[in-house]
Protein backbone atom coordinates (compact mmCIF):
# COMPACT_ATOMS: atom_id res chain seq x y z
CA MET A 1 -7.09 -21.44 -12.95
CA LYS A 2 -3.47 -20.27 -13.30
CA ALA A 3 -2.28 -23.16 -11.15
CA TYR A 4 -4.30 -25.61 -13.27
CA LEU A 5 -2.89 -24.21 -16.52
CA VAL A 6 0.68 -24.34 -15.22
CA ARG A 7 0.15 -27.95 -14.16
CA ILE A 8 -1.24 -29.21 -17.48
CA LEU A 9 1.38 -27.28 -19.45
CA SER A 10 4.10 -28.85 -17.31
CA GLU A 11 2.61 -32.30 -17.95
CA ALA A 12 2.52 -31.59 -21.68
CA LEU A 13 6.16 -30.50 -21.71
CA ALA A 14 7.20 -33.80 -20.19
CA THR A 15 5.81 -35.64 -23.21
CA ILE A 16 6.96 -33.56 -26.18
CA SER A 17 10.72 -33.97 -25.77
CA ASP A 18 13.21 -36.66 -24.84
CA GLN A 19 15.18 -34.14 -22.80
CA PRO A 20 13.90 -32.55 -19.61
CA LEU A 21 12.45 -29.12 -20.34
CA GLU A 22 12.72 -26.50 -17.65
CA ALA A 23 10.70 -23.43 -18.44
CA ASP A 24 9.19 -20.49 -16.59
CA ILE A 25 5.52 -20.83 -17.46
CA ILE A 26 3.87 -17.42 -17.50
CA ILE A 27 0.09 -17.13 -17.77
CA GLU A 28 -1.33 -13.72 -18.68
CA LYS A 29 -4.67 -12.22 -19.54
CA PRO A 30 -4.80 -11.29 -23.25
CA ARG A 31 -5.35 -7.63 -24.01
CA SER A 32 -8.27 -8.47 -26.28
CA PRO A 33 -11.13 -10.81 -25.25
CA GLU A 34 -11.02 -12.17 -28.81
CA HIS A 35 -7.81 -13.97 -27.86
CA GLY A 36 -9.42 -15.89 -25.04
CA ASP A 37 -9.30 -15.68 -21.27
CA ALA A 38 -5.67 -16.64 -20.66
CA ALA A 39 -2.55 -17.02 -22.77
CA THR A 40 1.05 -18.15 -22.59
CA ASN A 41 4.12 -17.50 -24.75
CA LEU A 42 5.70 -20.75 -23.55
CA ALA A 43 6.28 -22.10 -27.06
CA MET A 44 8.32 -19.06 -28.05
CA THR A 45 10.56 -19.39 -24.99
CA LEU A 46 11.45 -22.95 -26.01
CA THR A 47 12.48 -22.22 -29.59
CA LYS A 48 16.23 -22.27 -28.94
CA LYS A 49 16.12 -25.38 -26.77
CA LEU A 50 14.02 -27.43 -29.17
CA LYS A 51 15.32 -25.83 -32.38
CA MET A 52 11.83 -25.74 -33.80
CA PRO A 53 9.52 -22.93 -34.96
CA PRO A 54 7.43 -21.74 -32.01
CA ARG A 55 4.15 -22.48 -33.75
CA LYS A 56 5.11 -26.13 -34.20
CA ILE A 57 6.07 -26.29 -30.53
CA ALA A 58 2.71 -24.76 -29.63
CA GLU A 59 0.91 -27.37 -31.72
CA ALA A 60 2.84 -30.16 -29.99
CA ILE A 61 2.02 -28.73 -26.56
CA LYS A 62 -1.64 -28.38 -27.45
CA ALA A 63 -1.82 -31.98 -28.68
CA ALA A 64 -0.25 -33.21 -25.44
CA LEU A 65 -2.40 -31.18 -23.06
CA PRO A 66 -4.46 -33.33 -20.68
CA MET A 67 -7.38 -30.95 -21.10
CA ASP A 68 -10.41 -31.17 -18.81
CA ASP A 69 -13.58 -29.61 -20.24
CA GLY A 70 -14.62 -28.87 -16.68
CA TYR A 71 -12.01 -26.12 -16.80
CA LEU A 72 -11.54 -25.22 -20.45
CA SER A 73 -13.84 -24.98 -23.45
CA ALA A 74 -11.10 -24.41 -26.03
CA VAL A 75 -7.35 -24.16 -26.57
CA GLU A 76 -6.20 -22.17 -29.59
CA ILE A 77 -2.89 -21.24 -31.21
CA ALA A 78 -2.49 -17.67 -32.39
CA GLY A 79 0.15 -15.56 -34.09
CA PRO A 80 3.71 -16.87 -34.00
CA GLY A 81 2.92 -19.41 -31.29
CA PHE A 82 0.79 -18.03 -28.47
CA ILE A 83 -1.39 -20.62 -26.77
CA ASN A 84 -4.76 -19.16 -25.83
CA PHE A 85 -7.24 -20.70 -23.41
CA ARG A 86 -10.97 -20.19 -23.07
CA PHE A 87 -12.61 -21.00 -19.76
CA SER A 88 -15.64 -23.28 -19.69
CA GLU A 89 -18.92 -21.81 -18.51
CA SER A 90 -19.30 -24.61 -15.96
CA TRP A 91 -16.00 -23.56 -14.38
CA LEU A 92 -17.11 -19.92 -14.35
CA TYR A 93 -20.35 -20.83 -12.59
CA GLY A 94 -18.45 -22.89 -10.04
CA GLN A 95 -16.12 -20.00 -9.30
CA LEU A 96 -19.06 -17.61 -9.00
CA ALA A 97 -20.59 -19.95 -6.43
CA GLU A 98 -17.27 -19.83 -4.53
CA ILE A 99 -17.47 -16.03 -4.32
CA LEU A 100 -20.93 -16.32 -2.84
CA MET A 101 -19.80 -19.00 -0.40
CA ARG A 102 -16.59 -17.29 0.78
CA ALA A 103 -18.19 -13.82 0.94
CA GLU A 104 -16.02 -11.54 3.11
CA ALA A 105 -13.11 -13.99 2.86
CA TYR A 106 -13.10 -14.01 -0.94
CA GLY A 107 -9.76 -12.75 -2.21
CA LYS A 108 -7.78 -13.93 0.80
CA SER A 109 -4.96 -16.41 0.22
CA SER A 110 -2.15 -18.19 2.02
CA ALA A 111 0.64 -16.95 -0.26
CA ASN A 112 2.43 -15.34 2.72
CA ALA A 113 1.08 -17.62 5.43
CA GLY A 114 3.50 -18.10 8.30
CA LYS A 115 5.54 -15.01 7.40
CA ARG A 116 6.13 -12.23 9.91
CA MET A 117 6.49 -8.83 8.29
CA GLN A 118 7.10 -5.40 9.68
CA ILE A 119 6.24 -2.22 7.85
CA GLU A 120 7.61 1.09 9.06
CA PHE A 121 5.85 4.19 7.80
CA VAL A 122 4.83 7.76 8.62
CA SER A 123 7.69 8.10 11.16
CA ALA A 124 7.30 11.87 11.45
CA ASN A 125 9.04 13.39 14.45
CA PRO A 126 6.59 14.93 16.97
CA THR A 127 7.22 18.53 15.96
CA GLY A 128 3.81 19.30 14.50
CA PRO A 129 0.58 17.87 13.13
CA LEU A 130 0.67 15.45 10.21
CA THR A 131 0.53 17.31 6.94
CA VAL A 132 -0.43 16.34 3.42
CA GLY A 133 3.26 15.65 2.94
CA HIS A 134 2.91 12.72 5.36
CA GLY A 135 -0.42 11.54 3.97
CA ARG A 136 0.76 9.53 1.00
CA ASN A 137 3.30 7.75 3.18
CA ALA A 138 0.67 6.89 5.79
CA VAL A 139 -1.97 5.58 3.41
CA LEU A 140 0.51 3.73 1.21
CA GLY A 141 2.06 1.96 4.20
CA ASP A 142 -1.24 0.97 5.76
CA THR A 143 -2.71 -0.31 2.49
CA ILE A 144 0.37 -2.38 1.67
CA ALA A 145 0.03 -3.88 5.15
CA ARG A 146 -3.63 -4.70 4.44
CA LEU A 147 -2.74 -6.36 1.14
CA LEU A 148 -0.09 -8.47 2.83
CA GLU A 149 -2.53 -9.46 5.58
CA TRP A 150 -4.99 -10.61 2.92
CA THR A 151 -2.27 -12.91 1.58
CA GLY A 152 -1.79 -14.50 5.00
CA ALA A 153 1.13 -12.53 6.47
CA LYS A 154 1.31 -11.40 10.09
CA VAL A 155 2.10 -7.69 9.72
CA ASP A 156 3.27 -5.27 12.40
CA ARG A 157 2.90 -1.55 11.71
CA GLU A 158 5.65 0.49 13.35
CA TYR A 159 6.19 4.23 13.76
CA TYR A 160 9.85 5.27 14.18
CA PHE A 161 10.58 8.66 15.70
CA ASN A 162 13.25 10.79 17.30
CA ASN A 163 12.29 12.95 20.31
CA ALA A 164 15.78 14.35 20.80
CA GLY A 165 18.09 16.61 18.84
CA ARG A 166 17.90 20.15 17.54
CA GLN A 167 14.36 19.95 16.10
CA MET A 168 12.88 18.97 19.44
CA ARG A 169 14.98 21.56 21.28
CA VAL A 170 13.66 24.30 18.97
CA LEU A 171 10.14 22.94 19.46
CA GLY A 172 10.45 23.24 23.26
CA GLU A 173 11.87 26.74 22.97
CA SER A 174 8.99 27.71 20.66
CA VAL A 175 6.43 26.50 23.20
CA ARG A 176 8.23 28.34 26.00
CA ALA A 177 8.21 31.58 23.98
CA ARG A 178 4.46 31.33 23.34
CA TYR A 179 3.87 30.45 27.00
CA LEU A 180 5.69 33.59 28.13
CA GLN A 181 3.98 35.77 25.52
CA LYS A 182 0.54 34.58 26.63
CA LEU A 183 1.46 35.62 30.18
CA GLY A 184 2.50 39.09 29.04
CA GLN A 185 6.23 38.43 29.19
CA ASP A 186 8.72 39.74 26.67
CA ALA A 187 9.82 36.71 24.64
CA GLU A 188 10.74 35.98 21.04
CA LEU A 189 10.53 32.78 19.10
CA PRO A 190 13.90 31.11 18.56
CA GLU A 191 15.55 31.41 15.18
CA ASP A 192 13.75 29.08 12.75
CA GLY A 193 11.16 28.36 15.46
CA TYR A 194 7.78 26.72 14.94
CA GLN A 195 5.00 29.21 14.26
CA GLY A 196 1.91 27.04 13.90
CA GLY A 197 -1.19 27.73 15.94
CA TYR A 198 -0.76 24.39 17.68
CA ILE A 199 2.27 25.84 19.52
CA GLY A 200 0.00 28.41 21.14
CA ASP A 201 -2.51 25.70 22.03
CA ILE A 202 0.20 23.69 23.80
CA ALA A 203 1.36 26.82 25.64
CA GLN A 204 -2.22 27.50 26.77
CA THR A 205 -2.45 23.94 28.14
CA LEU A 206 0.68 24.61 30.23
CA ILE A 207 -0.90 27.80 31.56
CA ASP A 208 -4.08 25.91 32.44
CA GLU A 209 -2.05 23.31 34.33
CA HIS A 210 0.74 25.41 35.88
CA ASP A 211 -0.43 29.03 35.68
CA GLU A 212 2.72 31.24 36.03
CA ALA A 213 4.86 28.62 37.82
CA LEU A 214 6.98 27.96 34.73
CA ILE A 215 7.99 31.57 34.00
CA SER A 216 11.38 31.16 35.62
CA CYS A 217 12.11 27.83 33.92
CA PRO A 218 15.03 28.05 31.47
CA ALA A 219 14.62 27.25 27.80
CA THR A 220 16.38 23.93 28.39
CA ASP A 221 13.79 22.73 30.91
CA PRO A 222 12.21 19.57 29.42
CA VAL A 223 8.74 20.55 30.65
CA PHE A 224 8.11 22.52 27.43
CA LYS A 225 9.44 19.88 25.04
CA ASN A 226 7.68 17.07 26.89
CA ALA A 227 4.37 18.88 26.84
CA ALA A 228 4.73 19.50 23.12
CA GLU A 229 5.68 15.89 22.38
CA GLN A 230 2.77 14.51 24.39
CA ALA A 231 0.22 16.83 22.78
CA ILE A 232 1.52 16.38 19.25
CA PHE A 233 1.68 12.60 19.49
CA ALA A 234 -1.90 12.54 20.78
CA ASP A 235 -2.86 14.60 17.74
CA ILE A 236 -0.91 12.33 15.38
CA ARG A 237 -2.57 9.20 16.75
CA GLN A 238 -5.99 10.79 16.41
CA THR A 239 -5.29 11.82 12.82
CA LEU A 240 -4.09 8.33 11.90
CA GLU A 241 -7.13 6.73 13.52
CA ARG A 242 -9.35 9.10 11.58
CA MET A 243 -7.69 7.71 8.44
CA ASN A 244 -8.40 4.16 9.65
CA ILE A 245 -4.75 3.55 10.55
CA ILE A 246 -3.73 1.94 13.84
CA MET A 247 -0.04 1.56 14.67
CA ASP A 248 1.05 -1.57 16.51
CA SER A 249 4.20 -0.01 17.98
CA PHE A 250 6.19 3.21 18.30
CA PHE A 251 10.00 2.93 18.29
CA ASN A 252 12.05 5.72 19.83
CA GLU A 253 15.42 6.29 18.16
CA HIS A 254 16.84 7.30 21.56
CA THR A 255 16.66 3.68 22.75
CA LEU A 256 19.36 2.81 20.22
CA TYR A 257 21.74 5.09 22.12
CA GLU A 258 20.63 3.89 25.54
CA ASP A 259 21.19 0.20 24.84
CA GLY A 260 24.53 0.74 23.08
CA ALA A 261 23.31 -0.29 19.62
CA ILE A 262 24.83 2.81 18.01
CA ASP A 263 28.25 2.19 19.55
CA ARG A 264 28.14 -1.47 18.54
CA VAL A 265 27.52 -0.56 14.91
CA VAL A 266 30.50 1.82 14.82
CA SER A 267 32.79 -0.66 16.59
CA ARG A 268 31.85 -3.50 14.28
CA LEU A 269 32.33 -1.35 11.18
CA ARG A 270 35.76 -0.35 12.46
CA GLU A 271 36.64 -4.03 12.92
CA LEU A 272 35.68 -4.64 9.31
CA ASP A 273 37.75 -1.62 8.20
CA LEU A 274 34.56 0.01 6.97
CA ALA A 275 34.70 2.95 9.41
CA TYR A 276 37.61 5.29 10.02
CA ASP A 277 38.42 8.72 11.51
CA ALA A 278 39.24 11.75 9.39
CA ASP A 279 38.91 15.51 9.88
CA GLY A 280 37.48 14.95 13.36
CA ALA A 281 34.58 12.86 11.97
CA VAL A 282 33.83 9.15 11.67
CA TRP A 283 33.44 8.03 8.06
CA PHE A 284 31.71 5.04 6.47
CA ARG A 285 33.77 3.55 3.65
CA THR A 286 30.91 3.55 1.12
CA THR A 287 33.40 3.54 -1.77
CA THR A 288 33.71 -0.17 -0.97
CA PHE A 289 30.14 -0.53 -2.19
CA GLY A 290 30.59 1.42 -5.42
CA LYS A 291 29.95 5.01 -4.33
CA GLU A 292 32.28 7.76 -5.52
CA LYS A 293 32.85 9.15 -2.03
CA ASP A 294 32.84 7.88 1.52
CA THR A 295 30.04 9.04 3.81
CA VAL A 296 30.10 10.69 7.23
CA LEU A 297 28.60 8.61 10.04
CA VAL A 298 29.45 10.90 12.96
CA LYS A 299 30.09 14.62 12.41
CA SER A 300 33.06 16.44 13.89
CA THR A 301 30.61 17.86 16.45
CA GLY A 302 29.98 14.34 17.73
CA GLU A 303 26.44 14.31 16.30
CA PRO A 304 25.66 11.22 14.20
CA THR A 305 24.15 11.59 10.75
CA TYR A 306 20.83 9.84 10.46
CA ARG A 307 22.42 6.93 8.55
CA LEU A 308 24.01 5.64 11.76
CA PRO A 309 20.86 5.21 13.86
CA ASP A 310 19.09 3.92 10.74
CA ILE A 311 21.66 1.13 10.47
CA ALA A 312 21.18 0.23 14.13
CA TYR A 313 17.40 0.42 13.77
CA HIS A 314 17.35 -1.99 10.81
CA ILE A 315 19.54 -4.41 12.73
CA SER A 316 17.01 -4.20 15.56
CA LYS A 317 14.22 -5.05 13.12
CA LEU A 318 16.05 -8.09 11.76
CA ASP A 319 17.01 -9.23 15.25
CA ARG A 320 13.33 -9.27 16.13
CA GLY A 321 12.89 -12.11 13.64
CA TYR A 322 10.89 -10.51 10.85
CA ASP A 323 11.02 -12.30 7.51
CA THR A 324 10.61 -9.00 5.70
CA CYS A 325 11.07 -5.42 6.87
CA ILE A 326 9.39 -2.87 4.61
CA ASP A 327 10.32 0.82 4.65
CA ILE A 328 8.06 3.46 3.10
CA PHE A 329 10.35 6.32 2.12
CA GLY A 330 9.91 9.57 0.25
CA ALA A 331 11.95 10.34 -2.85
CA ASP A 332 14.47 12.29 -0.76
CA HIS A 333 15.80 8.93 0.52
CA ILE A 334 16.66 7.53 -2.91
CA ALA A 335 20.36 8.36 -2.69
CA THR A 336 20.83 7.53 0.99
CA TYR A 337 19.00 4.34 1.94
CA PRO A 338 21.44 2.14 -0.08
CA ASP A 339 24.14 3.09 2.46
CA VAL A 340 22.02 1.65 5.25
CA VAL A 341 21.35 -1.55 3.33
CA SER A 342 25.06 -1.92 2.48
CA ALA A 343 26.04 -1.54 6.13
CA VAL A 344 23.46 -4.06 7.31
CA LYS A 345 24.72 -6.58 4.77
CA ALA A 346 28.37 -5.93 5.69
CA LEU A 347 27.49 -6.59 9.34
CA GLY A 348 26.40 -10.10 8.45
CA TYR A 349 22.65 -9.70 8.02
CA ASP A 350 20.50 -10.78 5.10
CA SER A 351 19.79 -7.44 3.44
CA ASP A 352 17.31 -9.11 1.09
CA ARG A 353 14.92 -9.09 4.04
CA ILE A 354 14.86 -5.27 3.78
CA ASP A 355 12.36 -4.01 1.23
CA VAL A 356 12.46 -0.28 0.56
CA GLN A 357 9.47 1.29 -1.19
CA VAL A 358 10.07 4.83 -2.45
CA TYR A 359 7.20 7.13 -3.37
CA GLN A 360 7.17 10.51 -5.06
CA PHE A 361 5.82 13.55 -3.32
CA VAL A 362 2.40 15.16 -3.40
CA THR A 363 1.32 18.55 -4.66
CA ILE A 364 -2.01 19.94 -3.49
CA VAL A 365 -3.71 21.70 -6.38
CA LYS A 366 -6.58 24.17 -6.10
CA ASP A 367 -8.04 25.94 -9.15
CA GLY A 368 -5.17 24.55 -11.17
CA GLU A 369 -2.52 26.12 -8.94
CA PRO A 370 -0.29 24.35 -6.39
CA VAL A 371 -0.81 25.15 -2.71
CA LYS A 372 2.51 26.01 -1.06
CA MET A 373 3.41 24.32 2.22
CA SER A 374 5.97 25.04 4.94
CA THR A 375 5.67 23.35 8.33
CA ARG A 376 7.60 25.85 10.43
CA LYS A 377 5.99 28.92 8.93
CA ALA A 378 2.59 27.28 9.46
CA ASN A 379 1.78 27.68 5.77
CA TYR A 380 0.62 24.12 5.18
CA VAL A 381 -2.42 21.90 4.87
CA THR A 382 -2.74 19.36 7.67
CA LEU A 383 -4.22 15.93 7.04
CA ASP A 384 -7.09 16.82 9.36
CA GLU A 385 -7.84 19.95 7.34
CA LEU A 386 -7.76 17.89 4.16
CA MET A 387 -10.16 15.33 5.64
CA ASP A 388 -12.40 18.14 6.82
CA MET A 389 -12.62 19.27 3.20
CA VAL A 390 -12.96 15.96 1.36
CA GLY A 391 -13.46 13.20 3.95
CA SER A 392 -11.21 10.32 4.98
CA ASP A 393 -12.39 7.99 2.19
CA VAL A 394 -11.51 10.47 -0.55
CA THR A 395 -8.22 11.29 1.16
CA ARG A 396 -7.14 7.64 1.23
CA PHE A 397 -8.32 6.97 -2.31
CA PHE A 398 -6.56 9.94 -3.90
CA PHE A 399 -3.26 9.07 -2.19
CA LEU A 400 -3.51 5.54 -3.62
CA MET A 401 -4.81 6.12 -7.13
CA ARG A 402 -1.41 6.57 -8.80
CA THR A 403 1.62 4.31 -8.86
CA PRO A 404 3.86 5.23 -5.89
CA GLY A 405 6.77 6.03 -8.18
CA THR A 406 4.97 8.90 -9.90
CA HIS A 407 4.38 12.42 -8.65
CA LEU A 408 0.84 12.87 -7.33
CA GLU A 409 -1.29 15.95 -7.80
CA PHE A 410 -4.08 15.98 -5.23
CA ASP A 411 -6.75 17.99 -7.02
CA LEU A 412 -9.03 19.54 -4.40
CA ASP A 413 -11.62 20.50 -7.00
CA GLN A 414 -11.99 16.90 -8.16
CA ALA A 415 -11.79 15.56 -4.60
CA THR A 416 -14.72 17.72 -3.45
CA GLU A 417 -16.85 16.77 -6.47
CA GLN A 418 -20.03 15.03 -5.27
CA GLY A 419 -20.64 13.05 -8.46
CA GLU A 420 -19.21 10.43 -10.80
CA LYS A 421 -16.30 12.73 -11.70
CA ASN A 422 -15.00 11.85 -8.26
CA PRO A 423 -13.50 8.35 -8.69
CA VAL A 424 -14.23 7.37 -5.08
CA PHE A 425 -17.93 8.06 -5.44
CA TYR A 426 -17.96 6.11 -8.72
CA LEU A 427 -16.99 2.94 -6.84
CA GLN A 428 -19.07 3.63 -3.75
CA TYR A 429 -22.11 4.47 -5.88
CA ALA A 430 -21.79 1.13 -7.71
CA HIS A 431 -21.82 -0.68 -4.37
CA ALA A 432 -24.78 1.35 -3.09
CA ARG A 433 -26.73 0.80 -6.33
CA ILE A 434 -26.26 -2.97 -6.01
CA HIS A 435 -27.78 -2.92 -2.51
CA SER A 436 -30.67 -0.81 -3.74
CA ILE A 437 -31.42 -3.35 -6.49
CA LEU A 438 -31.12 -6.24 -4.05
CA ALA A 439 -33.62 -4.58 -1.71
CA LYS A 440 -36.14 -4.16 -4.53
CA ALA A 441 -35.60 -7.72 -5.76
CA ALA A 442 -36.25 -9.06 -2.26
CA GLU A 443 -39.74 -7.57 -2.43
CA GLU A 444 -40.62 -9.43 -5.64
CA TYR A 445 -38.68 -12.71 -5.51
CA LYS A 446 -37.92 -15.45 -3.00
CA LEU A 447 -34.21 -14.88 -2.86
CA ASP A 448 -33.58 -17.75 -0.47
CA SER A 449 -34.11 -20.10 -3.42
CA GLU A 450 -31.00 -21.74 -4.87
CA ALA A 451 -29.71 -19.76 -7.83
CA ALA A 452 -29.51 -21.58 -11.15
CA LEU A 453 -26.27 -19.93 -12.25
CA GLY A 454 -26.46 -21.65 -15.65
CA GLN A 455 -29.10 -19.04 -16.51
CA LEU A 456 -26.30 -16.47 -16.81
CA THR A 457 -25.49 -16.65 -20.52
CA HIS A 458 -25.68 -13.03 -21.66
CA PRO A 459 -22.26 -11.72 -22.86
CA THR A 460 -22.22 -8.94 -20.26
CA GLU A 461 -23.01 -11.46 -17.53
CA ILE A 462 -20.13 -13.68 -18.59
CA THR A 463 -17.82 -10.66 -18.83
CA LEU A 464 -18.76 -9.55 -15.32
CA ILE A 465 -18.19 -13.04 -13.91
CA LYS A 466 -14.73 -13.19 -15.51
CA GLU A 467 -13.94 -9.74 -14.09
CA LEU A 468 -14.90 -10.79 -10.58
CA LEU A 469 -12.74 -13.89 -10.74
CA GLN A 470 -9.61 -11.78 -11.18
CA PHE A 471 -9.95 -10.32 -7.69
CA PRO A 472 -7.74 -12.82 -5.80
CA ASP A 473 -4.99 -12.38 -8.39
CA MET A 474 -5.24 -8.59 -8.16
CA VAL A 475 -4.87 -8.76 -4.39
CA ALA A 476 -1.87 -11.07 -4.74
CA GLN A 477 -0.23 -8.81 -7.33
CA GLY A 478 -0.85 -5.70 -5.27
CA ALA A 479 0.79 -7.37 -2.26
CA GLN A 480 3.70 -8.80 -4.23
CA HIS A 481 4.57 -5.56 -6.01
CA ARG A 482 3.56 -3.25 -3.11
CA GLU A 483 1.28 -1.32 -5.47
CA PRO A 484 -2.22 -0.64 -4.13
CA HIS A 485 -3.14 1.35 -7.23
CA ARG A 486 -3.47 -1.95 -9.11
CA LEU A 487 -6.48 -2.75 -6.94
CA ILE A 488 -8.04 0.65 -7.64
CA ASN A 489 -7.65 0.17 -11.40
CA TYR A 490 -9.21 -3.28 -11.10
CA LEU A 491 -12.18 -2.08 -9.04
CA ASN A 492 -12.85 0.59 -11.65
CA ASP A 493 -13.04 -2.18 -14.25
CA VAL A 494 -15.45 -4.14 -12.02
CA ALA A 495 -17.66 -1.08 -11.60
CA ALA A 496 -17.65 -0.46 -15.36
CA SER A 497 -18.60 -4.11 -16.04
CA PHE A 498 -21.36 -3.87 -13.45
CA HIS A 499 -22.83 -0.74 -15.06
CA ARG A 500 -22.86 -2.47 -18.47
CA PHE A 501 -24.59 -5.47 -16.90
CA TYR A 502 -27.10 -3.16 -15.19
CA HIS A 503 -27.84 -1.54 -18.55
CA ASP A 504 -28.16 -4.79 -20.52
CA CYS A 505 -29.69 -7.26 -18.05
CA ARG A 506 -32.90 -6.52 -16.20
CA ILE A 507 -33.88 -8.20 -12.98
CA MET A 508 -37.26 -6.79 -12.05
CA GLY A 509 -40.00 -8.34 -14.17
CA GLU A 510 -37.88 -11.25 -15.40
CA ALA A 511 -38.73 -14.91 -14.84
CA PRO A 512 -37.87 -15.92 -11.25
CA GLU A 513 -35.14 -18.42 -12.19
CA LEU A 514 -33.27 -15.85 -14.30
CA ALA A 515 -33.89 -13.00 -11.85
CA ILE A 516 -32.56 -15.01 -8.89
CA ALA A 517 -29.44 -15.97 -10.88
CA ARG A 518 -28.81 -12.33 -11.70
CA VAL A 519 -29.32 -11.39 -8.07
CA ALA A 520 -26.62 -13.91 -7.19
CA LEU A 521 -24.29 -12.24 -9.67
CA LEU A 522 -25.10 -8.86 -8.11
CA ARG A 523 -24.31 -10.20 -4.65
CA ALA A 524 -20.96 -11.49 -5.87
CA THR A 525 -20.21 -8.13 -7.46
CA GLY A 526 -21.09 -6.33 -4.25
CA THR A 527 -18.82 -8.71 -2.35
CA VAL A 528 -15.84 -7.98 -4.57
CA LEU A 529 -16.39 -4.23 -4.44
CA LYS A 530 -16.76 -4.27 -0.66
CA ASN A 531 -13.73 -6.50 -0.11
CA GLY A 532 -11.63 -4.34 -2.39
CA LEU A 533 -12.69 -1.12 -0.70
CA THR A 534 -12.03 -2.72 2.69
CA ILE A 535 -8.45 -3.47 1.67
CA LEU A 536 -8.09 0.16 0.57
CA GLY A 537 -9.39 1.26 3.99
CA ILE A 538 -12.44 2.88 2.38
CA THR A 539 -16.07 2.42 3.39
CA ALA A 540 -18.54 0.60 1.15
CA PRO A 541 -21.87 2.38 1.78
CA GLU A 542 -25.18 0.64 1.13
CA ARG A 543 -26.92 3.98 0.58
CA MET A 544 -25.78 7.25 -0.97
């Protein structure tokens, strides 16, 4: 409908003025149903160009509209010059039939067809199990990928990690200490070592495989670090799969050193006079890009700051031919990722192909109090523990239900609620109730008969149809703005409209023609709920 409205408005503009009129035609849903089904402020945007009151412009546009009553039942002017549109019932019935015909494909579009996109998310180093702190990142990244796939994009999910450096060295030393302790040897954890129970589990695996053969191995022996990395990555993959997340690739930061990508970045920045030596370190001239101070790329110890491999990594992404590279970053990256983007642009790449999505962090709340978390001290809630408590569906939903840019409180009391106070169950229950009604209707009516959709004239039926027809636009908006919570808000509206319909419009006991039409509307509603939950990575149960 939006495309149709834009087309007829464009045709009307061509007739109301001698001069060509270029205008950005915006179609929006009015806040109040009294103002119609769609509206535009086009007339008000043309006031300066045409030097006319907006209401007169609106009247001229309305008079010139090549209106088709197969689409619209009325066009009205409101307020200072808004043009409001009311959809015809015949169009609504036709669109409802399309939902039924397209079924599981309803909501999919070709807006991003032919585009290759890469989304990098989670990217936790293999030093421990995934915690709640990683959960929002994981679910947000995967759901954005799903939204983009529904708009036709080919999306690759990538996990970026570093299995070298101090963190991994301390991890190996921690495993070695636990290995020795389990064998009765005198050993202490390294300073700031990892204390989680998983370290002991990894040590026990080494004992099962090697017995006491590793006692004489020095702390630098890679056998301890490698065992930890292998075990932890296996755990990470399992956790992600439990959350319905499958990574397409894992990218090791170390490869950027092996293939010379890091050195090439520094050399090229030097050639551009954007890198220089001072105080034994290599500096990036970020003042060129508006920052107050320059930034260290390589420390005086010879160790690069993480900006340097990040620059090389993003160049690798762009060199692989992706149209868009999306990063899912926590709020701690807000001040630093612009340096990476600036460097990529300075090195001759199109930085507009890099799309950084920043989310705020999560607080786990129990009985109104935050649960403290610290990975190394093993005082944390893992994603697996969270899913054990509330399930994977609830876990995904709660991480998505707020806009990414706002702090999220994950309320365990609400998440474990087994009723309508739990927003996940509210949606799933609506879907299950629909299937229950359909099963009962199948016992009384011949549902293979063609539905006479013109029977659907009750106000709550029309409202529900209009709600369902917004689904493709909600998917498109969620993909465009990288905001899955829009889809959750929309599905809540669908469920609310369904419950009003269920209250106002009976099926059982009604005349067959009307009952079968209402069954068709129920099927369409179930389709939209299921498709929406599928995009969110959440199950749509038929029984609860």
